[in-house]
All heavy atoms as atom14 arrays in JSON, in Angstrom:
{
  "sequence": "MQKVASPLRTLIQSETQGRPVLDEDGLFFGTSSRSVCSKFGFKAYDAF",
  "atom14_mask": [
    [1, 1, 1, 1, 1, 1, 1, 1, 0, 0, 0, 0, 0, 0],
    [1, 1, 1, 1, 1, 1, 1, 1, 1, 0, 0, 0, 0, 0],
    [1, 1, 1, 1, 1, 1, 1, 1, 1, 0, 0, 0, 0, 0],
    [1, 1, 1, 1, 1, 1, 1, 0, 0, 0, 0, 0, 0, 0],
    [1, 1, 1, 1, 1, 0, 0, 0, 0, 0, 0, 0, 0, 0],
    [1, 1, 1, 1, 1, 1, 0, 0, 0, 0, 0, 0, 0, 0],
    [1, 1, 1, 1, 1, 1, 1, 0, 0, 0, 0, 0, 0, 0],
    [1, 1, 1, 1, 1, 1, 1, 1, 0, 0, 0, 0, 0, 0],
    [1, 1, 1, 1, 1, 1, 1, 1, 1, 1, 1, 0, 0, 0],
    [1, 1, 1, 1, 1, 1, 1, 0, 0, 0, 0, 0, 0, 0],
    [1, 1, 1, 1, 1, 1, 1, 1, 0, 0, 0, 0, 0, 0],
    [1, 1, 1, 1, 1, 1, 1, 1, 0, 0, 0, 0, 0, 0],
    [1, 1, 1, 1, 1, 1, 1, 1, 1, 0, 0, 0, 0, 0],
    [1, 1, 1, 1, 1, 1, 0, 0, 0, 0, 0, 0, 0, 0],
    [1, 1, 1, 1, 1, 1, 1, 1, 1, 0, 0, 0, 0, 0],
    [1, 1, 1, 1, 1, 1, 1, 0, 0, 0, 0, 0, 0, 0],
    [1, 1, 1, 1, 1, 1, 1, 1, 1, 0, 0, 0, 0, 0],
    [1, 1, 1, 1, 0, 0, 0, 0, 0, 0, 0, 0, 0, 0],
    [1, 1, 1, 1, 1, 1, 1, 1, 1, 1, 1, 0, 0, 0],
    [1, 1, 1, 1, 1, 1, 1, 0, 0, 0, 0, 0, 0, 0],
    [1, 1, 1, 1, 1, 1, 1, 0, 0, 0, 0, 0, 0, 0],
    [1, 1, 1, 1, 1, 1, 1, 1, 0, 0, 0, 0, 0, 0],
    [1, 1, 1, 1, 1, 1, 1, 1, 0, 0, 0, 0, 0, 0],
    [1, 1, 1, 1, 1, 1, 1, 1, 1, 0, 0, 0, 0, 0],
    [1, 1, 1, 1, 1, 1, 1, 1, 0, 0, 0, 0, 0, 0],
    [1, 1, 1, 1, 0, 0, 0, 0, 0, 0, 0, 0, 0, 0],
    [1, 1, 1, 1, 1, 1, 1, 1, 0, 0, 0, 0, 0, 0],
    [1, 1, 1, 1, 1, 1, 1, 1, 1, 1, 1, 0, 0, 0],
    [1, 1, 1, 1, 1, 1, 1, 1, 1, 1, 1, 0, 0, 0],
    [1, 1, 1, 1, 0, 0, 0, 0, 0, 0, 0, 0, 0, 0],
    [1, 1, 1, 1, 1, 1, 1, 0, 0, 0, 0, 0, 0, 0],
    [1, 1, 1, 1, 1, 1, 0, 0, 0, 0, 0, 0, 0, 0],
    [1, 1, 1, 1, 1, 1, 0, 0, 0, 0, 0, 0, 0, 0],
    [1, 1, 1, 1, 1, 1, 1, 1, 1, 1, 1, 0, 0, 0],
    [1, 1, 1, 1, 1, 1, 0, 0, 0, 0, 0, 0, 0, 0],
    [1, 1, 1, 1, 1, 1, 1, 0, 0, 0, 0, 0, 0, 0],
    [1, 1, 1, 1, 1, 1, 0, 0, 0, 0, 0, 0, 0, 0],
    [1, 1, 1, 1, 1, 1, 0, 0, 0, 0, 0, 0, 0, 0],
    [1, 1, 1, 1, 1, 1, 1, 1, 1, 0, 0, 0, 0, 0],
    [1, 1, 1, 1, 1, 1, 1, 1, 1, 1, 1, 0, 0, 0],
    [1, 1, 1, 1, 0, 0, 0, 0, 0, 0, 0, 0, 0, 0],
    [1, 1, 1, 1, 1, 1, 1, 1, 1, 1, 1, 0, 0, 0],
    [1, 1, 1, 1, 1, 1, 1, 1, 1, 0, 0, 0, 0, 0],
    [1, 1, 1, 1, 1, 0, 0, 0, 0, 0, 0, 0, 0, 0],
    [1, 1, 1, 1, 1, 1, 1, 1, 1, 1, 1, 1, 0, 0],
    [1, 1, 1, 1, 1, 1, 1, 1, 0, 0, 0, 0, 0, 0],
    [1, 1, 1, 1, 1, 0, 0, 0, 0, 0, 0, 0, 0, 0],
    [1, 1, 1, 1, 1, 1, 1, 1, 1, 1, 1, 0, 0, 0]
  ],
  "atom14_positions": [
    [[55.22, -8.9, -10.52], [56.23, -7.86, -10.29], [57.07, -8.15, -9.06], [58.22, -7.74, -8.97], [55.57, -6.49, -10.14], [54.92, -5.98, -11.4], [54.06, -4.44, -11.11], [55.43, -3.4, -10.66], [0.0, 0.0, 0.0], [0.0, 0.0, 0.0], [0.0, 0.0, 0.0], [0.0, 0.0, 0.0], [0.0, 0.0, 0.0], [0.0, 0.0, 0.0]],
    [[56.52, -8.86, -8.09], [57.23, -9.04, -6.84], [58.18, -10.23, -6.87], [58.76, -10.58, -5.86], [56.22, -9.21, -5.7], [55.39, -7.97, -5.45], [56.21, -6.8, -4.99], [57.36, -6.97, -4.57], [55.67, -5.61, -5.06], [0.0, 0.0, 0.0], [0.0, 0.0, 0.0], [0.0, 0.0, 0.0], [0.0, 0.0, 0.0], [0.0, 0.0, 0.0]],
    [[58.34, -10.88, -8.03], [59.22, -12.04, -8.1], [60.66, -11.68, -8.41], [61.48, -12.56, -8.62], [58.7, -13.02, -9.16], [57.38, -13.68, -8.8], [56.99, -14.71, -9.84], [55.68, -15.38, -9.49], [55.29, -16.38, -10.5], [0.0, 0.0, 0.0], [0.0, 0.0, 0.0], [0.0, 0.0, 0.0], [0.0, 0.0, 0.0], [0.0, 0.0, 0.0]],
    [[60.99, -10.4, -8.45], [62.34, -10.01, -8.84], [63.33, -10.29, -7.72], [63.08, -9.94, -6.57], [62.37, -8.52, -9.21], [63.78, -8.09, -9.58], [61.43, -8.27, -10.36], [0.0, 0.0, 0.0], [0.0, 0.0, 0.0], [0.0, 0.0, 0.0], [0.0, 0.0, 0.0], [0.0, 0.0, 0.0], [0.0, 0.0, 0.0], [0.0, 0.0, 0.0]],
    [[64.4, -10.93, -8.05], [65.41, -11.29, -7.05], [66.44, -10.2, -6.94], [67.25, -10.01, -7.83], [66.09, -12.6, -7.44], [0.0, 0.0, 0.0], [0.0, 0.0, 0.0], [0.0, 0.0, 0.0], [0.0, 0.0, 0.0], [0.0, 0.0, 0.0], [0.0, 0.0, 0.0], [0.0, 0.0, 0.0], [0.0, 0.0, 0.0], [0.0, 0.0, 0.0]],
    [[66.43, -9.45, -5.87], [67.42, -8.42, -5.61], [67.52, -8.26, -4.1], [66.59, -8.62, -3.4], [67.01, -7.1, -6.27], [65.84, -6.59, -5.66], [0.0, 0.0, 0.0], [0.0, 0.0, 0.0], [0.0, 0.0, 0.0], [0.0, 0.0, 0.0], [0.0, 0.0, 0.0], [0.0, 0.0, 0.0], [0.0, 0.0, 0.0], [0.0, 0.0, 0.0]],
    [[68.63, -7.82, -3.53], [69.8, -7.33, -4.24], [70.7, -8.45, -4.77], [70.88, -8.6, -5.97], [70.54, -6.51, -3.2], [70.13, -7.14, -1.9], [68.72, -7.61, -2.08], [0.0, 0.0, 0.0], [0.0, 0.0, 0.0], [0.0, 0.0, 0.0], [0.0, 0.0, 0.0], [0.0, 0.0, 0.0], [0.0, 0.0, 0.0], [0.0, 0.0, 0.0]],
    [[71.25, -9.3, -3.88], [72.11, -10.39, -4.34], [71.55, -11.7, -3.83], [70.94, -11.79, -2.78], [73.54, -10.23, -3.8], [74.31, -9.02, -4.26], [75.67, -9.02, -3.6], [74.47, -9.01, -5.76], [0.0, 0.0, 0.0], [0.0, 0.0, 0.0], [0.0, 0.0, 0.0], [0.0, 0.0, 0.0], [0.0, 0.0, 0.0], [0.0, 0.0, 0.0]],
    [[71.78, -12.76, -4.6], [71.37, -14.08, -4.15], [72.59, -15.0, -4.14], [73.5, -14.87, -4.94], [70.28, -14.64, -5.05], [69.04, -13.77, -5.09], [68.02, -14.33, -6.01], [67.57, -15.62, -5.54], [66.91, -16.48, -6.29], [66.67, -16.19, -7.54], [66.51, -17.63, -5.81], [0.0, 0.0, 0.0], [0.0, 0.0, 0.0], [0.0, 0.0, 0.0]],
    [[72.56, -15.91, -3.22], [73.7, -16.79, -3.03], [73.58, -18.02, -3.9], [72.52, -18.56, -4.07], [73.78, -17.21, -1.57], [73.78, -16.05, -0.77], [75.02, -18.01, -1.29], [0.0, 0.0, 0.0], [0.0, 0.0, 0.0], [0.0, 0.0, 0.0], [0.0, 0.0, 0.0], [0.0, 0.0, 0.0], [0.0, 0.0, 0.0], [0.0, 0.0, 0.0]],
    [[74.71, -18.42, -4.45], [74.77, -19.7, -5.15], [75.85, -20.55, -4.47], [77.03, -20.42, -4.77], [75.13, -19.49, -6.63], [74.07, -18.8, -7.47], [74.62, -18.51, -8.84], [72.85, -19.68, -7.57], [0.0, 0.0, 0.0], [0.0, 0.0, 0.0], [0.0, 0.0, 0.0], [0.0, 0.0, 0.0], [0.0, 0.0, 0.0], [0.0, 0.0, 0.0]],
    [[75.44, -21.33, -3.51], [76.39, -22.24, -2.87], [76.13, -23.6, -3.47], [75.24, -24.33, -3.04], [76.21, -22.25, -1.35], [76.3, -20.82, -0.8], [77.23, -23.13, -0.67], [76.02, -20.72, 0.67], [0.0, 0.0, 0.0], [0.0, 0.0, 0.0], [0.0, 0.0, 0.0], [0.0, 0.0, 0.0], [0.0, 0.0, 0.0], [0.0, 0.0, 0.0]],
    [[76.88, -23.94, -4.51], [76.6, -25.12, -5.32], [77.36, -26.31, -4.74], [78.44, -26.65, -5.19], [76.96, -24.86, -6.77], [76.14, -23.72, -7.36], [76.62, -23.33, -8.74], [77.72, -23.65, -9.13], [75.78, -22.62, -9.47], [0.0, 0.0, 0.0], [0.0, 0.0, 0.0], [0.0, 0.0, 0.0], [0.0, 0.0, 0.0], [0.0, 0.0, 0.0]],
    [[76.79, -26.92, -3.72], [77.51, -28.01, -3.07], [76.54, -28.91, -2.34], [75.41, -28.54, -2.04], [78.52, -27.45, -2.07], [77.85, -26.74, -1.05], [0.0, 0.0, 0.0], [0.0, 0.0, 0.0], [0.0, 0.0, 0.0], [0.0, 0.0, 0.0], [0.0, 0.0, 0.0], [0.0, 0.0, 0.0], [0.0, 0.0, 0.0], [0.0, 0.0, 0.0]],
    [[76.99, -30.09, -2.05], [76.31, -30.93, -1.08], [76.73, -30.44, 0.29], [77.89, -30.12, 0.52], [76.72, -32.4, -1.25], [76.24, -33.04, -2.52], [74.74, -33.29, -2.5], [74.16, -33.36, -1.4], [74.15, -33.39, -3.59], [0.0, 0.0, 0.0], [0.0, 0.0, 0.0], [0.0, 0.0, 0.0], [0.0, 0.0, 0.0], [0.0, 0.0, 0.0]],
    [[75.79, -30.36, 1.22], [76.11, -29.86, 2.55], [76.23, -31.01, 3.52], [75.45, -31.95, 3.5], [75.03, -28.88, 3.05], [73.8, -29.59, 3.14], [74.87, -27.72, 2.1], [0.0, 0.0, 0.0], [0.0, 0.0, 0.0], [0.0, 0.0, 0.0], [0.0, 0.0, 0.0], [0.0, 0.0, 0.0], [0.0, 0.0, 0.0], [0.0, 0.0, 0.0]],
    [[77.2, -30.92, 4.4], [77.35, -31.91, 5.46], [76.38, -31.6, 6.61], [76.01, -32.47, 7.37], [78.79, -31.89, 5.99], [79.8, -32.38, 4.97], [79.56, -33.83, 4.61], [79.45, -34.69, 5.48], [79.47, -34.12, 3.33], [0.0, 0.0, 0.0], [0.0, 0.0, 0.0], [0.0, 0.0, 0.0], [0.0, 0.0, 0.0], [0.0, 0.0, 0.0]],
    [[76.01, -30.33, 6.74], [75.11, -29.94, 7.82], [73.86, -29.31, 7.26], [73.23, -29.83, 6.35], [0.0, 0.0, 0.0], [0.0, 0.0, 0.0], [0.0, 0.0, 0.0], [0.0, 0.0, 0.0], [0.0, 0.0, 0.0], [0.0, 0.0, 0.0], [0.0, 0.0, 0.0], [0.0, 0.0, 0.0], [0.0, 0.0, 0.0], [0.0, 0.0, 0.0]],
    [[73.5, -28.16, 7.78], [72.27, -27.5, 7.38], [72.59, -26.11, 6.88], [73.58, -25.51, 7.29], [71.32, -27.42, 8.59], [70.91, -28.79, 9.1], [70.24, -28.67, 10.46], [69.75, -29.97, 10.91], [69.26, -30.19, 12.12], [69.21, -29.2, 12.97], [68.84, -31.39, 12.45], [0.0, 0.0, 0.0], [0.0, 0.0, 0.0], [0.0, 0.0, 0.0]],
    [[71.74, -25.57, 6.01], [71.98, -24.19, 5.56], [71.7, -23.21, 6.69], [70.65, -23.26, 7.31], [70.96, -24.01, 4.42], [69.86, -24.96, 4.77], [70.51, -26.14, 5.44], [0.0, 0.0, 0.0], [0.0, 0.0, 0.0], [0.0, 0.0, 0.0], [0.0, 0.0, 0.0], [0.0, 0.0, 0.0], [0.0, 0.0, 0.0], [0.0, 0.0, 0.0]],
    [[72.64, -22.38, 7.0], [72.5, -21.46, 8.13], [72.88, -20.06, 7.69], [73.85, -19.86, 6.98], [73.39, -21.89, 9.32], [73.22, -20.96, 10.5], [73.04, -23.32, 9.74], [0.0, 0.0, 0.0], [0.0, 0.0, 0.0], [0.0, 0.0, 0.0], [0.0, 0.0, 0.0], [0.0, 0.0, 0.0], [0.0, 0.0, 0.0], [0.0, 0.0, 0.0]],
    [[72.1, -19.07, 8.12], [72.4, -17.68, 7.83], [73.26, -17.12, 8.95], [73.11, -17.46, 10.12], [71.11, -16.87, 7.71], [70.08, -17.4, 6.72], [68.91, -16.43, 6.62], [70.71, -17.6, 5.36], [0.0, 0.0, 0.0], [0.0, 0.0, 0.0], [0.0, 0.0, 0.0], [0.0, 0.0, 0.0], [0.0, 0.0, 0.0], [0.0, 0.0, 0.0]],
    [[74.14, -16.22, 8.61], [75.04, -15.62, 9.57], [74.27, -14.76, 10.57], [73.33, -14.06, 10.2], [76.08, -14.77, 8.83], [77.23, -14.38, 9.73], [77.05, -13.39, 10.45], [78.26, -15.04, 9.7], [0.0, 0.0, 0.0], [0.0, 0.0, 0.0], [0.0, 0.0, 0.0], [0.0, 0.0, 0.0], [0.0, 0.0, 0.0], [0.0, 0.0, 0.0]],
    [[74.69, -14.78, 11.84], [73.95, -14.04, 12.84], [74.06, -12.53, 12.67], [73.28, -11.76, 13.23], [74.42, -14.41, 14.26], [75.86, -14.03, 14.57], [76.83, -15.17, 14.31], [76.48, -16.03, 13.47], [77.9, -15.19, 14.92], [0.0, 0.0, 0.0], [0.0, 0.0, 0.0], [0.0, 0.0, 0.0], [0.0, 0.0, 0.0], [0.0, 0.0, 0.0]],
    [[75.03, -12.07, 11.87], [75.18, -10.64, 11.65], [74.26, -10.12, 10.55], [74.29, -8.95, 10.19], [76.63, -10.28, 11.27], [77.57, -10.52, 12.45], [77.1, -10.36, 13.59], [78.74, -10.84, 12.22], [0.0, 0.0, 0.0], [0.0, 0.0, 0.0], [0.0, 0.0, 0.0], [0.0, 0.0, 0.0], [0.0, 0.0, 0.0], [0.0, 0.0, 0.0]],
    [[73.43, -10.96, 9.99], [72.55, -10.53, 8.91], [72.6, -11.55, 7.8], [72.93, -12.71, 8.02], [0.0, 0.0, 0.0], [0.0, 0.0, 0.0], [0.0, 0.0, 0.0], [0.0, 0.0, 0.0], [0.0, 0.0, 0.0], [0.0, 0.0, 0.0], [0.0, 0.0, 0.0], [0.0, 0.0, 0.0], [0.0, 0.0, 0.0], [0.0, 0.0, 0.0]],
    [[72.28, -11.13, 6.62], [72.28, -12.06, 5.48], [73.63, -11.98, 4.81], [73.81, -11.33, 3.8], [71.15, -11.69, 4.52], [69.77, -11.81, 5.14], [68.72, -11.4, 4.13], [69.52, -13.22, 5.61], [0.0, 0.0, 0.0], [0.0, 0.0, 0.0], [0.0, 0.0, 0.0], [0.0, 0.0, 0.0], [0.0, 0.0, 0.0], [0.0, 0.0, 0.0]],
    [[74.59, -12.65, 5.38], [75.95, -12.6, 4.84], [76.32, -14.0, 4.36], [76.28, -14.96, 5.11], [76.94, -12.14, 5.89], [78.34, -11.99, 5.36], [78.78, -10.78, 4.85], [79.2, -13.07, 5.33], [80.06, -10.66, 4.33], [80.49, -12.95, 4.81], [80.91, -11.73, 4.33], [0.0, 0.0, 0.0], [0.0, 0.0, 0.0], [0.0, 0.0, 0.0]],
    [[76.67, -14.09, 3.08], [77.15, -15.34, 2.53], [78.53, -15.09, 1.95], [78.9, -13.97, 1.65], [76.23, -15.85, 1.42], [74.85, -16.18, 1.88], [73.88, -15.21, 1.94], [74.52, -17.47, 2.26], [72.6, -15.51, 2.35], [73.25, -17.78, 2.68], [72.28, -16.8, 2.73], [0.0, 0.0, 0.0], [0.0, 0.0, 0.0], [0.0, 0.0, 0.0]],
    [[79.25, -16.14, 1.71], [80.56, -15.96, 1.07], [81.56, -16.9, 1.71], [81.2, -17.88, 2.35], [0.0, 0.0, 0.0], [0.0, 0.0, 0.0], [0.0, 0.0, 0.0], [0.0, 0.0, 0.0], [0.0, 0.0, 0.0], [0.0, 0.0, 0.0], [0.0, 0.0, 0.0], [0.0, 0.0, 0.0], [0.0, 0.0, 0.0], [0.0, 0.0, 0.0]],
    [[82.82, -16.59, 1.6], [83.85, -17.47, 2.14], [84.85, -16.7, 2.98], [86.0, -17.08, 3.09], [84.58, -18.19, 0.98], [85.05, -17.2, 0.06], [83.65, -19.14, 0.28], [0.0, 0.0, 0.0], [0.0, 0.0, 0.0], [0.0, 0.0, 0.0], [0.0, 0.0, 0.0], [0.0, 0.0, 0.0], [0.0, 0.0, 0.0], [0.0, 0.0, 0.0]],
    [[84.44, -15.59, 3.55], [85.31, -14.88, 4.48], [85.24, -15.57, 5.84], [84.52, -16.55, 6.02], [84.88, -13.41, 4.61], [83.76, -13.32, 5.47], [0.0, 0.0, 0.0], [0.0, 0.0, 0.0], [0.0, 0.0, 0.0], [0.0, 0.0, 0.0], [0.0, 0.0, 0.0], [0.0, 0.0, 0.0], [0.0, 0.0, 0.0], [0.0, 0.0, 0.0]],
    [[85.96, -15.04, 6.82], [85.99, -15.68, 8.14], [84.63, -15.62, 8.82], [84.36, -16.37, 9.74], [87.04, -14.99, 9.01], [86.74, -13.6, 9.12], [0.0, 0.0, 0.0], [0.0, 0.0, 0.0], [0.0, 0.0, 0.0], [0.0, 0.0, 0.0], [0.0, 0.0, 0.0], [0.0, 0.0, 0.0], [0.0, 0.0, 0.0], [0.0, 0.0, 0.0]],
    [[83.74, -14.73, 8.35], [82.42, -14.62, 8.96], [81.37, -15.49, 8.27], [80.21, -15.49, 8.66], [81.93, -13.17, 8.9], [82.74, -12.2, 9.72], [81.98, -10.91, 9.93], [81.55, -10.32, 8.67], [80.37, -9.74, 8.47], [79.49, -9.7, 9.44], [80.07, -9.21, 7.3], [0.0, 0.0, 0.0], [0.0, 0.0, 0.0], [0.0, 0.0, 0.0]],
    [[81.74, -16.18, 7.24], [80.72, -16.75, 6.37], [80.18, -18.08, 6.89], [80.78, -18.76, 7.72], [81.3, -16.98, 4.97], [82.13, -18.12, 4.97], [0.0, 0.0, 0.0], [0.0, 0.0, 0.0], [0.0, 0.0, 0.0], [0.0, 0.0, 0.0], [0.0, 0.0, 0.0], [0.0, 0.0, 0.0], [0.0, 0.0, 0.0], [0.0, 0.0, 0.0]],
    [[79.02, -18.44, 6.35], [78.43, -19.73, 6.72], [79.28, -20.89, 6.24], [79.26, -21.95, 6.84], [77.01, -19.84, 6.15], [76.09, -18.82, 6.75], [77.01, -19.71, 4.64], [0.0, 0.0, 0.0], [0.0, 0.0, 0.0], [0.0, 0.0, 0.0], [0.0, 0.0, 0.0], [0.0, 0.0, 0.0], [0.0, 0.0, 0.0], [0.0, 0.0, 0.0]],
    [[80.01, -20.69, 5.15], [80.82, -21.78, 4.62], [81.87, -22.22, 5.62], [82.08, -23.42, 5.85], [81.47, -21.37, 3.31], [80.31, -21.1, 1.98], [0.0, 0.0, 0.0], [0.0, 0.0, 0.0], [0.0, 0.0, 0.0], [0.0, 0.0, 0.0], [0.0, 0.0, 0.0], [0.0, 0.0, 0.0], [0.0, 0.0, 0.0], [0.0, 0.0, 0.0]],
    [[82.55, -21.27, 6.23], [83.61, -21.62, 7.16], [83.05, -22.11, 8.49], [83.67, -22.89, 9.19], [84.54, -20.43, 7.39], [83.81, -19.33, 7.92], [0.0, 0.0, 0.0], [0.0, 0.0, 0.0], [0.0, 0.0, 0.0], [0.0, 0.0, 0.0], [0.0, 0.0, 0.0], [0.0, 0.0, 0.0], [0.0, 0.0, 0.0], [0.0, 0.0, 0.0]],
    [[81.83, -21.65, 8.85], [81.27, -22.02, 10.13], [80.56, -23.37, 10.12], [80.54, -24.07, 11.12], [80.27, -20.95, 10.6], [80.92, -19.66, 11.07], [79.86, -18.71, 11.59], [80.49, -17.43, 12.12], [79.47, -16.51, 12.67], [0.0, 0.0, 0.0], [0.0, 0.0, 0.0], [0.0, 0.0, 0.0], [0.0, 0.0, 0.0], [0.0, 0.0, 0.0]],
    [[79.95, -23.69, 8.98], [79.03, -24.81, 9.0], [79.36, -25.9, 7.98], [78.5, -26.67, 7.6], [77.6, -24.32, 8.83], [77.19, -23.39, 9.94], [77.19, -22.03, 9.75], [76.82, -23.9, 11.17], [76.83, -21.19, 10.78], [76.46, -23.06, 12.19], [76.46, -21.7, 12.01], [0.0, 0.0, 0.0], [0.0, 0.0, 0.0], [0.0, 0.0, 0.0]],
    [[80.6, -25.93, 7.48], [81.09, -27.11, 6.82], [80.62, -27.36, 5.41], [80.51, -28.5, 4.99], [0.0, 0.0, 0.0], [0.0, 0.0, 0.0], [0.0, 0.0, 0.0], [0.0, 0.0, 0.0], [0.0, 0.0, 0.0], [0.0, 0.0, 0.0], [0.0, 0.0, 0.0], [0.0, 0.0, 0.0], [0.0, 0.0, 0.0], [0.0, 0.0, 0.0]],
    [[80.37, -26.33, 4.6], [80.12, -26.57, 3.19], [81.4, -27.09, 2.56], [82.49, -26.59, 2.82], [79.68, -25.28, 2.49], [78.3, -24.84, 2.86], [78.1, -23.74, 3.65], [77.18, -25.54, 2.41], [76.83, -23.34, 4.01], [75.91, -25.15, 2.76], [75.72, -24.04, 3.57], [0.0, 0.0, 0.0], [0.0, 0.0, 0.0], [0.0, 0.0, 0.0]],
    [[81.27, -28.08, 1.67], [82.46, -28.7, 1.09], [83.04, -27.89, -0.05], [84.24, -27.86, -0.25], [82.11, -30.1, 0.58], [81.82, -31.1, 1.68], [81.74, -32.51, 1.12], [80.64, -32.66, 0.09], [80.49, -34.05, -0.36], [0.0, 0.0, 0.0], [0.0, 0.0, 0.0], [0.0, 0.0, 0.0], [0.0, 0.0, 0.0], [0.0, 0.0, 0.0]],
    [[82.2, -27.28, -0.87], [82.66, -26.52, -2.03], [81.71, -25.36, -2.2], [80.55, -25.42, -1.82], [82.67, -27.37, -3.29], [0.0, 0.0, 0.0], [0.0, 0.0, 0.0], [0.0, 0.0, 0.0], [0.0, 0.0, 0.0], [0.0, 0.0, 0.0], [0.0, 0.0, 0.0], [0.0, 0.0, 0.0], [0.0, 0.0, 0.0], [0.0, 0.0, 0.0]],
    [[82.21, -24.28, -2.77], [81.38, -23.08, -2.78], [81.89, -22.07, -3.78], [83.04, -22.09, -4.21], [81.35, -22.44, -1.39], [82.69, -22.45, -0.68], [83.71, -21.6, -1.04], [82.92, -23.39, 0.31], [84.93, -21.66, -0.42], [84.15, -23.45, 0.94], [85.16, -22.57, 0.57], [86.38, -22.63, 1.18], [0.0, 0.0, 0.0], [0.0, 0.0, 0.0]],
    [[81.0, -21.18, -4.16], [81.37, -19.93, -4.8], [81.13, -18.84, -3.77], [80.3, -18.98, -2.88], [80.51, -19.65, -6.04], [80.88, -20.55, -7.18], [82.06, -20.93, -7.27], [80.0, -20.87, -7.98], [0.0, 0.0, 0.0], [0.0, 0.0, 0.0], [0.0, 0.0, 0.0], [0.0, 0.0, 0.0], [0.0, 0.0, 0.0], [0.0, 0.0, 0.0]],
    [[81.82, -17.71, -3.91], [81.7, -16.64, -2.92], [80.65, -15.64, -3.37], [80.84, -14.95, -4.36], [83.04, -15.95, -2.73], [0.0, 0.0, 0.0], [0.0, 0.0, 0.0], [0.0, 0.0, 0.0], [0.0, 0.0, 0.0], [0.0, 0.0, 0.0], [0.0, 0.0, 0.0], [0.0, 0.0, 0.0], [0.0, 0.0, 0.0], [0.0, 0.0, 0.0]],
    [[79.55, -15.58, -2.65], [78.52, -14.58, -2.89], [78.15, -13.96, -1.56], [78.36, -14.55, -0.5], [77.27, -15.22, -3.5], [77.38, -15.45, -4.97], [78.15, -16.48, -5.46], [76.74, -14.62, -5.87], [78.26, -16.71, -6.8], [76.85, -14.85, -7.22], [77.61, -15.89, -7.69], [0.0, 0.0, 0.0], [0.0, 0.0, 0.0], [0.0, 0.0, 0.0]]
  ]
}
C-alpha cells in the first residue's frame, strides 16, 4: 500500500551535465526561474 507515488513526480528525461539537485525552497521541479533545470544545467526536460 505504501508504494503509491503521490502527489507529483518529476520526469526529467535527459542526460545531466551535473548532478540531480532539489531546489532549496522545497521539492520544486520544472523549468521556471526557480527550477533545478535552469540552475544546474539539464540539457533537455519536461516541466513537472
